[in-house]
Structure formats: C-alpha cells, structure tokens
Amino acid sequence: MLDPEGKAIKKSLQKVGFEDVEDARVGKQIKLRLKAESKEEVRSEVDKMCKKILANPVIHQYNIKVEGI
C-alpha cells in the first residue's frame, strides 16, 4: 500500500537525526461500539461493515480489534 505521508515523515525524522527510524505509517482509526453476544459476532459484523461501506479494498487495508464483551 502506498503511503506518501508516512514516507515523508520517515525522511524528515531521519533528516533531523533520528536515523534509526526504519518505517513510518499514517492511517485512520474507526472505533465502533456494538450490541453483541460474543466477540465472534462483533468481528463478523464489523468485517461486513468494512466490506460494505467503511473500506475501499483498492486503497485500504483494515484490522479488527475486539475489546470487552
């Protein structure tokens, strides 16, 4: 996935003395709260949401993290 903003940040950090920076990524986070009986149900519903409306598979990658229940 292309991340020109991440590359620019990495280059700038290295330029000002942070040579150990090997990679930088810039992204977006969406937090949702759902009513559900299990983590599996939450994961399944959120995956459907991502595929249907939240993520464009051509330009986005997504990870689902379920907390609590």
C-alpha atoms as a PDB file:
ATOM      1  CA  MET A   1       0.000   0.000   0.000  1.00  0.00           C
ATOM      2  CA  LEU A   2       1.353   3.410  -0.906  1.00  0.00           C
ATOM      3  CA  ASP A   3       1.784   5.810   1.995  1.00  0.00           C
ATOM      4  CA  PRO A   4       3.452   9.009   0.748  1.00  0.00           C
ATOM      5  CA  GLU A   5       2.731  10.814   4.028  1.00  0.00           C
ATOM      6  CA  GLY A   6       4.424   8.029   6.001  1.00  0.00           C
ATOM      7  CA  LYS A   7       7.446   8.124   3.681  1.00  0.00           C
ATOM      8  CA  ALA A   8       7.716  11.910   4.099  1.00  0.00           C
ATOM      9  CA  ILE A   9       7.589  11.579   7.898  1.00  0.00           C
ATOM     10  CA  LYS A  10      10.278   8.887   7.858  1.00  0.00           C
ATOM     11  CA  LYS A  11      12.529  11.016   5.659  1.00  0.00           C
ATOM     12  CA  SER A  12      12.009  14.117   7.830  1.00  0.00           C
ATOM     13  CA  LEU A  13      12.732  12.216  11.050  1.00  0.00           C
ATOM     14  CA  GLN A  14      15.914  10.757   9.591  1.00  0.00           C
ATOM     15  CA  LYS A  15      16.951  14.189   8.321  1.00  0.00           C
ATOM     16  CA  VAL A  16      16.781  15.707  11.823  1.00  0.00           C
ATOM     17  CA  GLY A  17      18.836  12.960  13.438  1.00  0.00           C
ATOM     18  CA  PHE A  18      16.519  10.021  14.019  1.00  0.00           C
ATOM     19  CA  GLU A  19      18.431   7.699  11.696  1.00  0.00           C
ATOM     20  CA  ASP A  20      17.098   4.538  13.365  1.00  0.00           C
ATOM     21  CA  VAL A  21      13.567   5.100  12.032  1.00  0.00           C
ATOM     22  CA  GLU A  22      13.049   2.261   9.555  1.00  0.00           C
ATOM     23  CA  ASP A  23       9.406   2.898   8.683  1.00  0.00           C
ATOM     24  CA  ALA A  24       6.537   5.286   9.377  1.00  0.00           C
ATOM     25  CA  ARG A  25       2.874   4.792   8.550  1.00  0.00           C
ATOM     26  CA  VAL A  26      -0.045   7.180   8.698  1.00  0.00           C
ATOM     27  CA  GLY A  27      -3.534   5.747   8.967  1.00  0.00           C
ATOM     28  CA  LYS A  28      -7.077   6.193  10.141  1.00  0.00           C
ATOM     29  CA  GLN A  29      -8.838   4.529  13.052  1.00  0.00           C
ATOM     30  CA  ILE A  30     -12.567   3.967  13.416  1.00  0.00           C
ATOM     31  CA  LYS A  31     -13.928   2.932  16.815  1.00  0.00           C
ATOM     32  CA  LEU A  32     -17.354   1.325  17.000  1.00  0.00           C
ATOM     33  CA  ARG A  33     -19.488   0.146  19.911  1.00  0.00           C
ATOM     34  CA  LEU A  34     -21.900  -2.697  19.117  1.00  0.00           C
ATOM     35  CA  LYS A  35     -24.513  -4.737  20.951  1.00  0.00           C
ATOM     36  CA  ALA A  36     -23.453  -8.373  20.619  1.00  0.00           C
ATOM     37  CA  GLU A  37     -23.367 -11.696  22.420  1.00  0.00           C
ATOM     38  CA  SER A  38     -19.802 -12.679  21.523  1.00  0.00           C
ATOM     39  CA  LYS A  39     -16.506 -11.411  20.151  1.00  0.00           C
ATOM     40  CA  GLU A  40     -17.029 -13.594  17.085  1.00  0.00           C
ATOM     41  CA  GLU A  41     -20.350 -11.871  16.382  1.00  0.00           C
ATOM     42  CA  VAL A  42     -18.724  -8.448  16.716  1.00  0.00           C
ATOM     43  CA  ARG A  43     -15.841  -9.424  14.438  1.00  0.00           C
ATOM     44  CA  SER A  44     -18.230 -10.801  11.801  1.00  0.00           C
ATOM     45  CA  GLU A  45     -20.462  -7.716  11.837  1.00  0.00           C
ATOM     46  CA  VAL A  46     -17.559  -5.272  11.667  1.00  0.00           C
ATOM     47  CA  ASP A  47     -15.988  -7.244   8.815  1.00  0.00           C
ATOM     48  CA  LYS A  48     -19.283  -6.945   6.903  1.00  0.00           C
ATOM     49  CA  MET A  49     -19.352  -3.189   7.615  1.00  0.00           C
ATOM     50  CA  CYS A  50     -15.810  -2.774   6.325  1.00  0.00           C
ATOM     51  CA  LYS A  51     -16.515  -4.728   3.156  1.00  0.00           C
ATOM     52  CA  LYS A  52     -19.801  -2.927   2.506  1.00  0.00           C
ATOM     53  CA  ILE A  53     -19.045   0.708   3.334  1.00  0.00           C
ATOM     54  CA  LEU A  54     -16.070   1.502   5.598  1.00  0.00           C
ATOM     55  CA  ALA A  55     -13.125   0.333   3.469  1.00  0.00           C
ATOM     56  CA  ASN A  56     -12.274   0.505  -0.209  1.00  0.00           C
ATOM     57  CA  PRO A  57     -10.285  -2.693  -0.894  1.00  0.00           C
ATOM     58  CA  VAL A  58      -8.353  -0.979  -3.686  1.00  0.00           C
ATOM     59  CA  ILE A  59      -6.745   1.556  -1.336  1.00  0.00           C
ATOM     60  CA  HIS A  60      -7.468   0.427   2.235  1.00  0.00           C
ATOM     61  CA  GLN A  61      -6.363  -2.380   4.477  1.00  0.00           C
ATOM     62  CA  TYR A  62      -8.113  -2.936   7.784  1.00  0.00           C
ATOM     63  CA  ASN A  63      -7.650  -4.785  11.031  1.00  0.00           C
ATOM     64  CA  ILE A  64     -10.381  -5.559  13.525  1.00  0.00           C
ATOM     65  CA  LYS A  65      -9.646  -5.458  17.251  1.00  0.00           C
ATOM     66  CA  VAL A  66     -12.435  -6.518  19.605  1.00  0.00           C
ATOM     67  CA  GLU A  67     -12.244  -5.294  23.200  1.00  0.00           C
ATOM     68  CA  GLY A  68     -14.544  -6.191  26.046  1.00  0.00           C
ATOM     69  CA  ILE A  69     -17.800  -8.145  25.745  1.00  0.00           C
END
